[in-house]
PDB file of all heavy atoms in Angstrom:
ATOM      1  N   GLY A   1     -10.668   0.505  -0.200  1.00  0.00           N
ATOM      2  CA  GLY A   1      -9.811   1.444   0.508  1.00  0.00           C
ATOM      3  C   GLY A   1     -10.542   2.364   1.454  1.00  0.00           C
ATOM      4  O   GLY A   1     -10.077   3.465   1.737  1.00  0.00           O
ATOM      5  N   HIS A   2     -11.647   1.906   2.008  1.00  0.00           N
ATOM      6  CA  HIS A   2     -12.426   2.797   2.869  1.00  0.00           C
ATOM      7  C   HIS A   2     -11.743   3.084   4.204  1.00  0.00           C
ATOM      8  O   HIS A   2     -11.856   4.189   4.733  1.00  0.00           O
ATOM      9  CB  HIS A   2     -13.820   2.208   3.101  1.00  0.00           C
ATOM     10  CG  HIS A   2     -14.708   2.306   1.901  1.00  0.00           C
ATOM     11  ND1 HIS A   2     -15.927   1.676   1.795  1.00  0.00           N
ATOM     12  CD2 HIS A   2     -14.536   2.975   0.727  1.00  0.00           C
ATOM     13  CE1 HIS A   2     -16.467   1.954   0.625  1.00  0.00           C
ATOM     14  NE2 HIS A   2     -15.648   2.725  -0.036  1.00  0.00           N
ATOM     15  N   ALA A   3     -11.032   2.107   4.747  1.00  0.00           N
ATOM     16  CA  ALA A   3     -10.294   2.378   5.994  1.00  0.00           C
ATOM     17  C   ALA A   3      -9.211   3.410   5.738  1.00  0.00           C
ATOM     18  O   ALA A   3      -8.948   4.276   6.574  1.00  0.00           O
ATOM     19  CB  ALA A   3      -9.683   1.085   6.538  1.00  0.00           C
ATOM     20  N   THR A   4      -8.593   3.343   4.563  1.00  0.00           N
ATOM     21  CA  THR A   4      -7.583   4.339   4.190  1.00  0.00           C
ATOM     22  C   THR A   4      -8.209   5.723   4.088  1.00  0.00           C
ATOM     23  O   THR A   4      -7.670   6.704   4.623  1.00  0.00           O
ATOM     24  CB  THR A   4      -6.942   3.949   2.849  1.00  0.00           C
ATOM     25  OG1 THR A   4      -6.366   2.650   2.961  1.00  0.00           O
ATOM     26  CG2 THR A   4      -5.869   4.938   2.450  1.00  0.00           C
ATOM     27  N   LEU A   5      -9.347   5.809   3.424  1.00  0.00           N
ATOM     28  CA  LEU A   5     -10.047   7.093   3.310  1.00  0.00           C
ATOM     29  C   LEU A   5     -10.499   7.599   4.668  1.00  0.00           C
ATOM     30  O   LEU A   5     -10.476   8.803   4.930  1.00  0.00           O
ATOM     31  CB  LEU A   5     -11.255   6.949   2.385  1.00  0.00           C
ATOM     32  CG  LEU A   5     -10.975   6.757   0.897  1.00  0.00           C
ATOM     33  CD1 LEU A   5     -12.265   6.473   0.147  1.00  0.00           C
ATOM     34  CD2 LEU A   5     -10.284   7.987   0.326  1.00  0.00           C
ATOM     35  N   GLY A   6     -10.909   6.677   5.533  1.00  0.00           N
ATOM     36  CA  GLY A   6     -11.420   7.072   6.839  1.00  0.00           C
ATOM     37  C   GLY A   6     -10.354   7.565   7.793  1.00  0.00           C
ATOM     38  O   GLY A   6     -10.680   8.182   8.810  1.00  0.00           O
ATOM     39  N   LEU A   7      -9.086   7.319   7.464  1.00  0.00           N
ATOM     40  CA  LEU A   7      -8.000   7.774   8.336  1.00  0.00           C
ATOM     41  C   LEU A   7      -7.037   8.732   7.651  1.00  0.00           C
ATOM     42  O   LEU A   7      -6.316   9.469   8.319  1.00  0.00           O
ATOM     43  CB  LEU A   7      -7.210   6.567   8.862  1.00  0.00           C
ATOM     44  CG  LEU A   7      -7.930   5.654   9.856  1.00  0.00           C
ATOM     45  CD1 LEU A   7      -7.065   4.445  10.183  1.00  0.00           C
ATOM     46  CD2 LEU A   7      -8.281   6.407  11.134  1.00  0.00           C
ATOM     47  N   LEU A   8      -7.038   8.738   6.314  1.00  0.00           N
ATOM     48  CA  LEU A   8      -6.067   9.574   5.581  1.00  0.00           C
ATOM     49  C   LEU A   8      -6.754  10.401   4.498  1.00  0.00           C
ATOM     50  O   LEU A   8      -6.193  10.602   3.415  1.00  0.00           O
ATOM     51  CB  LEU A   8      -4.997   8.687   4.925  1.00  0.00           C
ATOM     52  CG  LEU A   8      -4.093   7.880   5.841  1.00  0.00           C
ATOM     53  CD1 LEU A   8      -3.188   6.972   5.006  1.00  0.00           C
ATOM     54  CD2 LEU A   8      -3.243   8.789   6.714  1.00  0.00           C
ATOM     55  N   ALA A   9      -7.947  10.896   4.778  1.00  0.00           N
ATOM     56  CA  ALA A   9      -8.712  11.599   3.748  1.00  0.00           C
ATOM     57  C   ALA A   9      -7.985  12.807   3.189  1.00  0.00           C
ATOM     58  O   ALA A   9      -8.067  13.110   1.996  1.00  0.00           O
ATOM     59  CB  ALA A   9     -10.075  12.020   4.294  1.00  0.00           C
ATOM     60  N   ASP A  10      -7.242  13.531   4.024  1.00  0.00           N
ATOM     61  CA  ASP A  10      -6.610  14.778   3.582  1.00  0.00           C
ATOM     62  C   ASP A  10      -5.111  14.617   3.323  1.00  0.00           C
ATOM     63  O   ASP A  10      -4.397  15.604   3.173  1.00  0.00           O
ATOM     64  CB  ASP A  10      -6.837  15.880   4.625  1.00  0.00           C
ATOM     65  CG  ASP A  10      -8.313  16.198   4.787  1.00  0.00           C
ATOM     66  OD1 ASP A  10      -9.038  16.106   3.785  1.00  0.00           O
ATOM     67  OD2 ASP A  10      -8.730  16.517   5.905  1.00  0.00           O
ATOM     68  N   SER A  11      -4.634  13.386   3.262  1.00  0.00           N
ATOM     69  CA  SER A  11      -3.209  13.185   3.096  1.00  0.00           C
ATOM     70  C   SER A  11      -2.809  13.279   1.628  1.00  0.00           C
ATOM     71  O   SER A  11      -3.644  13.290   0.724  1.00  0.00           O
ATOM     72  CB  SER A  11      -2.798  11.810   3.665  1.00  0.00           C
ATOM     73  OG  SER A  11      -3.008  11.766   5.040  1.00  0.00           O
ATOM     74  N   THR A  12      -1.518  13.334   1.407  1.00  0.00           N
ATOM     75  CA  THR A  12      -0.993  13.376   0.047  1.00  0.00           C
ATOM     76  C   THR A  12      -1.287  12.044  -0.642  1.00  0.00           C
ATOM     77  O   THR A  12      -1.515  11.022   0.011  1.00  0.00           O
ATOM     78  CB  THR A  12       0.522  13.610   0.088  1.00  0.00           C
ATOM     79  OG1 THR A  12       1.133  12.604   0.904  1.00  0.00           O
ATOM     80  CG2 THR A  12       0.832  14.988   0.636  1.00  0.00           C
ATOM     81  N   PRO A  13      -1.277  12.024  -1.981  1.00  0.00           N
ATOM     82  CA  PRO A  13      -1.574  10.771  -2.711  1.00  0.00           C
ATOM     83  C   PRO A  13      -0.645   9.636  -2.280  1.00  0.00           C
ATOM     84  O   PRO A  13       0.526   9.850  -1.972  1.00  0.00           O
ATOM     85  CB  PRO A  13      -1.342  11.173  -4.171  1.00  0.00           C
ATOM     86  CG  PRO A  13      -1.559  12.654  -4.199  1.00  0.00           C
ATOM     87  CD  PRO A  13      -1.065  13.165  -2.880  1.00  0.00           C
ATOM     88  N   LEU A  14      -1.203   8.435  -2.281  1.00  0.00           N
ATOM     89  CA  LEU A  14      -0.436   7.265  -1.868  1.00  0.00           C
ATOM     90  C   LEU A  14       0.538   6.857  -2.972  1.00  0.00           C
ATOM     91  O   LEU A  14       0.172   6.775  -4.145  1.00  0.00           O
ATOM     92  CB  LEU A  14      -1.377   6.104  -1.565  1.00  0.00           C
ATOM     93  CG  LEU A  14      -2.419   6.345  -0.464  1.00  0.00           C
ATOM     94  CD1 LEU A  14      -3.414   5.201  -0.419  1.00  0.00           C
ATOM     95  CD2 LEU A  14      -1.732   6.520   0.885  1.00  0.00           C
ATOM     96  N   THR A  15       1.769   6.603  -2.585  1.00  0.00           N
ATOM     97  CA  THR A  15       2.768   6.135  -3.550  1.00  0.00           C
ATOM     98  C   THR A  15       2.899   4.626  -3.537  1.00  0.00           C
ATOM     99  O   THR A  15       3.159   4.009  -4.572  1.00  0.00           O
ATOM    100  CB  THR A  15       4.142   6.771  -3.251  1.00  0.00           C
ATOM    101  OG1 THR A  15       4.495   6.482  -1.894  1.00  0.00           O
ATOM    102  CG2 THR A  15       4.080   8.288  -3.439  1.00  0.00           C
ATOM    103  N   GLN A  16       2.705   4.019  -2.377  1.00  0.00           N
ATOM    104  CA  GLN A  16       2.745   2.565  -2.248  1.00  0.00           C
ATOM    105  C   GLN A  16       1.632   2.097  -1.340  1.00  0.00           C
ATOM    106  O   GLN A  16       1.285   2.771  -0.358  1.00  0.00           O
ATOM    107  CB  GLN A  16       4.084   2.106  -1.700  1.00  0.00           C
ATOM    108  CG  GLN A  16       5.243   2.194  -2.687  1.00  0.00           C
ATOM    109  CD  GLN A  16       6.486   1.503  -2.158  1.00  0.00           C
ATOM    110  OE1 GLN A  16       6.920   1.761  -1.041  1.00  0.00           O
ATOM    111  NE2 GLN A  16       7.061   0.617  -2.954  1.00  0.00           N
ATOM    112  N   THR A  17       1.073   0.945  -1.676  1.00  0.00           N
ATOM    113  CA  THR A  17      -0.035   0.391  -0.900  1.00  0.00           C
ATOM    114  C   THR A  17       0.189  -1.104  -0.671  1.00  0.00           C
ATOM    115  O   THR A  17       1.223  -1.661  -1.069  1.00  0.00           O
ATOM    116  CB  THR A  17      -1.367   0.597  -1.636  1.00  0.00           C
ATOM    117  OG1 THR A  17      -1.347  -0.195  -2.848  1.00  0.00           O
ATOM    118  CG2 THR A  17      -1.598   2.055  -1.982  1.00  0.00           C
ATOM    119  N   MET A  18      -0.797  -1.766  -0.086  1.00  0.00           N
ATOM    120  CA  MET A  18      -0.702  -3.201   0.131  1.00  0.00           C
ATOM    121  C   MET A  18      -0.542  -3.957  -1.184  1.00  0.00           C
ATOM    122  O   MET A  18       0.082  -5.019  -1.240  1.00  0.00           O
ATOM    123  CB  MET A  18      -1.948  -3.705   0.869  1.00  0.00           C
ATOM    124  CG  MET A  18      -2.036  -3.274   2.331  1.00  0.00           C
ATOM    125  SD  MET A  18      -0.636  -3.865   3.310  1.00  0.00           S
ATOM    126  CE  MET A  18      -0.839  -5.649   3.181  1.00  0.00           C
ATOM    127  N   TYR A  19      -1.073  -3.393  -2.257  1.00  0.00           N
ATOM    128  CA  TYR A  19      -0.904  -4.016  -3.585  1.00  0.00           C
ATOM    129  C   TYR A  19       0.572  -4.157  -3.929  1.00  0.00           C
ATOM    130  O   TYR A  19       1.019  -5.216  -4.386  1.00  0.00           O
ATOM    131  CB  TYR A  19      -1.626  -3.170  -4.644  1.00  0.00           C
ATOM    132  CG  TYR A  19      -1.260  -3.540  -6.059  1.00  0.00           C
ATOM    133  CD1 TYR A  19      -1.840  -4.651  -6.670  1.00  0.00           C
ATOM    134  CD2 TYR A  19      -0.337  -2.789  -6.779  1.00  0.00           C
ATOM    135  CE1 TYR A  19      -1.512  -5.000  -7.970  1.00  0.00           C
ATOM    136  CE2 TYR A  19       0.003  -3.120  -8.074  1.00  0.00           C
ATOM    137  CZ  TYR A  19      -0.578  -4.238  -8.666  1.00  0.00           C
ATOM    138  OH  TYR A  19      -0.243  -4.584  -9.950  1.00  0.00           O
ATOM    139  N   ASP A  20       1.342  -3.114  -3.694  1.00  0.00           N
ATOM    140  CA  ASP A  20       2.761  -3.148  -4.024  1.00  0.00           C
ATOM    141  C   ASP A  20       3.504  -4.190  -3.196  1.00  0.00           C
ATOM    142  O   ASP A  20       4.393  -4.891  -3.704  1.00  0.00           O
ATOM    143  CB  ASP A  20       3.376  -1.764  -3.800  1.00  0.00           C
ATOM    144  CG  ASP A  20       2.762  -0.708  -4.698  1.00  0.00           C
ATOM    145  OD1 ASP A  20       3.075  -0.696  -5.881  1.00  0.00           O
ATOM    146  OD2 ASP A  20       1.944   0.077  -4.182  1.00  0.00           O
ATOM    147  N   VAL A  21       3.146  -4.302  -1.922  1.00  0.00           N
ATOM    148  CA  VAL A  21       3.814  -5.281  -1.058  1.00  0.00           C
ATOM    149  C   VAL A  21       3.532  -6.703  -1.555  1.00  0.00           C
ATOM    150  O   VAL A  21       4.436  -7.538  -1.666  1.00  0.00           O
ATOM    151  CB  VAL A  21       3.349  -5.127   0.404  1.00  0.00           C
ATOM    152  CG1 VAL A  21       4.014  -6.169   1.283  1.00  0.00           C
ATOM    153  CG2 VAL A  21       3.683  -3.737   0.922  1.00  0.00           C
ATOM    154  N   PHE A  22       2.273  -6.988  -1.859  1.00  0.00           N
ATOM    155  CA  PHE A  22       1.925  -8.324  -2.328  1.00  0.00           C
ATOM    156  C   PHE A  22       2.584  -8.632  -3.677  1.00  0.00           C
ATOM    157  O   PHE A  22       3.041  -9.756  -3.910  1.00  0.00           O
ATOM    158  CB  PHE A  22       0.405  -8.471  -2.444  1.00  0.00           C
ATOM    159  CG  PHE A  22      -0.281  -8.723  -1.138  1.00  0.00           C
ATOM    160  CD1 PHE A  22      -1.309  -7.897  -0.707  1.00  0.00           C
ATOM    161  CD2 PHE A  22       0.088  -9.790  -0.331  1.00  0.00           C
ATOM    162  CE1 PHE A  22      -1.954  -8.137   0.498  1.00  0.00           C
ATOM    163  CE2 PHE A  22      -0.546 -10.037   0.875  1.00  0.00           C
ATOM    164  CZ  PHE A  22      -1.572  -9.209   1.296  1.00  0.00           C
ATOM    165  N   MET A  23       2.621  -7.656  -4.569  1.00  0.00           N
ATOM    166  CA  MET A  23       3.224  -7.883  -5.882  1.00  0.00           C
ATOM    167  C   MET A  23       4.721  -8.143  -5.756  1.00  0.00           C
ATOM    168  O   MET A  23       5.278  -9.001  -6.453  1.00  0.00           O
ATOM    169  CB  MET A  23       2.959  -6.683  -6.788  1.00  0.00           C
ATOM    170  CG  MET A  23       1.518  -6.583  -7.267  1.00  0.00           C
ATOM    171  SD  MET A  23       0.974  -8.038  -8.198  1.00  0.00           S
ATOM    172  CE  MET A  23       2.035  -7.916  -9.647  1.00  0.00           C
ATOM    173  N   GLN A  24       5.387  -7.411  -4.878  1.00  0.00           N
ATOM    174  CA  GLN A  24       6.816  -7.635  -4.671  1.00  0.00           C
ATOM    175  C   GLN A  24       7.064  -9.029  -4.109  1.00  0.00           C
ATOM    176  O   GLN A  24       7.989  -9.731  -4.535  1.00  0.00           O
ATOM    177  CB  GLN A  24       7.381  -6.583  -3.723  1.00  0.00           C
ATOM    178  CG  GLN A  24       7.442  -5.176  -4.305  1.00  0.00           C
ATOM    179  CD  GLN A  24       7.818  -4.146  -3.269  1.00  0.00           C
ATOM    180  OE1 GLN A  24       8.421  -4.474  -2.243  1.00  0.00           O
ATOM    181  NE2 GLN A  24       7.457  -2.888  -3.516  1.00  0.00           N
ATOM    182  N   ARG A  25       6.216  -9.430  -3.195  1.00  0.00           N
ATOM    183  CA  ARG A  25       6.384 -10.753  -2.608  1.00  0.00           C
ATOM    184  C   ARG A  25       6.099 -11.845  -3.641  1.00  0.00           C
ATOM    185  O   ARG A  25       6.790 -12.874  -3.694  1.00  0.00           O
ATOM    186  CB  ARG A  25       5.470 -10.910  -1.393  1.00  0.00           C
ATOM    187  CG  ARG A  25       5.755 -12.178  -0.607  1.00  0.00           C
ATOM    188  CD  ARG A  25       5.103 -12.134   0.752  1.00  0.00           C
ATOM    189  NE  ARG A  25       5.496 -13.295   1.551  1.00  0.00           N
ATOM    190  CZ  ARG A  25       6.627 -13.363   2.247  1.00  0.00           C
ATOM    191  NH1 ARG A  25       7.484 -12.359   2.228  1.00  0.00           N
ATOM    192  NH2 ARG A  25       6.906 -14.459   2.939  1.00  0.00           N
ATOM    193  N   ALA A  26       5.082 -11.627  -4.467  1.00  0.00           N
ATOM    194  CA  ALA A  26       4.748 -12.604  -5.509  1.00  0.00           C
ATOM    195  C   ALA A  26       5.894 -12.748  -6.517  1.00  0.00           C
ATOM    196  O   ALA A  26       6.093 -13.827  -7.084  1.00  0.00           O
ATOM    197  CB  ALA A  26       3.467 -12.186  -6.220  1.00  0.00           C
ATOM    198  N   ALA A  27       6.639 -11.673  -6.727  1.00  0.00           N
ATOM    199  CA  ALA A  27       7.764 -11.697  -7.663  1.00  0.00           C
ATOM    200  C   ALA A  27       9.042 -12.235  -7.028  1.00  0.00           C
ATOM    201  O   ALA A  27      10.084 -12.304  -7.687  1.00  0.00           O
ATOM    202  CB  ALA A  27       8.014 -10.289  -8.209  1.00  0.00           C
ATOM    203  N   GLY A  28       8.969 -12.587  -5.752  1.00  0.00           N
ATOM    204  CA  GLY A  28      10.117 -13.148  -5.069  1.00  0.00           C
ATOM    205  C   GLY A  28      11.070 -12.126  -4.492  1.00  0.00           C
ATOM    206  O   GLY A  28      12.179 -12.470  -4.061  1.00  0.00           O
ATOM    207  N   HIS A  29      10.658 -10.868  -4.465  1.00  0.00           N
ATOM    208  CA  HIS A  29      11.494  -9.817  -3.921  1.00  0.00           C
ATOM    209  C   HIS A  29      11.279  -9.681  -2.413  1.00  0.00           C
ATOM    210  O   HIS A  29      10.318 -10.215  -1.845  1.00  0.00           O
ATOM    211  CB  HIS A  29      11.211  -8.479  -4.610  1.00  0.00           C
ATOM    212  CG  HIS A  29      11.445  -8.511  -6.083  1.00  0.00           C
ATOM    213  ND1 HIS A  29      12.583  -8.999  -6.665  1.00  0.00           N
ATOM    214  CD2 HIS A  29      10.641  -8.107  -7.108  1.00  0.00           C
ATOM    215  CE1 HIS A  29      12.513  -8.902  -7.972  1.00  0.00           C
ATOM    216  NE2 HIS A  29      11.327  -8.360  -8.274  1.00  0.00           N
ATOM    217  N   ASP A  30      12.162  -8.942  -1.763  1.00  0.00           N
ATOM    218  CA  ASP A  30      12.053  -8.684  -0.333  1.00  0.00           C
ATOM    219  C   ASP A  30      10.967  -7.640  -0.098  1.00  0.00           C
ATOM    220  O   ASP A  30      11.182  -6.454  -0.352  1.00  0.00           O
ATOM    221  CB  ASP A  30      13.396  -8.206   0.223  1.00  0.00           C
ATOM    222  CG  ASP A  30      13.342  -7.969   1.729  1.00  0.00           C
ATOM    223  OD1 ASP A  30      12.474  -8.570   2.380  1.00  0.00           O
ATOM    224  OD2 ASP A  30      14.169  -7.184   2.235  1.00  0.00           O
ATOM    225  N   ALA A  31       9.803  -8.083   0.324  1.00  0.00           N
ATOM    226  CA  ALA A  31       8.678  -7.176   0.548  1.00  0.00           C
ATOM    227  C   ALA A  31       8.539  -6.910   2.027  1.00  0.00           C
ATOM    228  O   ALA A  31       8.489  -7.831   2.838  1.00  0.00           O
ATOM    229  CB  ALA A  31       7.396  -7.788  -0.004  1.00  0.00           C
ATOM    230  N   ARG A  32       8.459  -5.623   2.390  1.00  0.00           N
ATOM    231  CA  ARG A  32       8.350  -5.245   3.797  1.00  0.00           C
ATOM    232  C   ARG A  32       7.121  -4.367   4.007  1.00  0.00           C
ATOM    233  O   ARG A  32       6.895  -3.402   3.260  1.00  0.00           O
ATOM    234  CB  ARG A  32       9.604  -4.497   4.248  1.00  0.00           C
ATOM    235  CG  ARG A  32      10.888  -5.296   4.122  1.00  0.00           C
ATOM    236  CD  ARG A  32      12.056  -4.553   4.735  1.00  0.00           C
ATOM    237  NE  ARG A  32      12.174  -3.193   4.188  1.00  0.00           N
ATOM    238  CZ  ARG A  32      12.996  -2.261   4.674  1.00  0.00           C
ATOM    239  NH1 ARG A  32      13.735  -2.535   5.738  1.00  0.00           N
ATOM    240  NH2 ARG A  32      13.055  -1.080   4.119  1.00  0.00           N
ATOM    241  N   LEU A  33       6.372  -4.704   5.027  1.00  0.00           N
ATOM    242  CA  LEU A  33       5.183  -3.923   5.353  1.00  0.00           C
ATOM    243  C   LEU A  33       5.559  -2.492   5.744  1.00  0.00           C
ATOM    244  O   LEU A  33       4.813  -1.544   5.477  1.00  0.00           O
ATOM    245  CB  LEU A  33       4.417  -4.605   6.488  1.00  0.00           C
ATOM    246  CG  LEU A  33       2.930  -4.297   6.635  1.00  0.00           C
ATOM    247  CD1 LEU A  33       2.175  -4.634   5.360  1.00  0.00           C
ATOM    248  CD2 LEU A  33       2.346  -5.071   7.813  1.00  0.00           C
TER     249      LEU A  33
END
């Protein structure tokens, strides 16, 4: 997650990430970037 840290160092905690998108897609759900 270094690119994330390099652009969002002072932002609020992440609630969803690329992990969530891939997991939703793997489960057959409608995953949107």
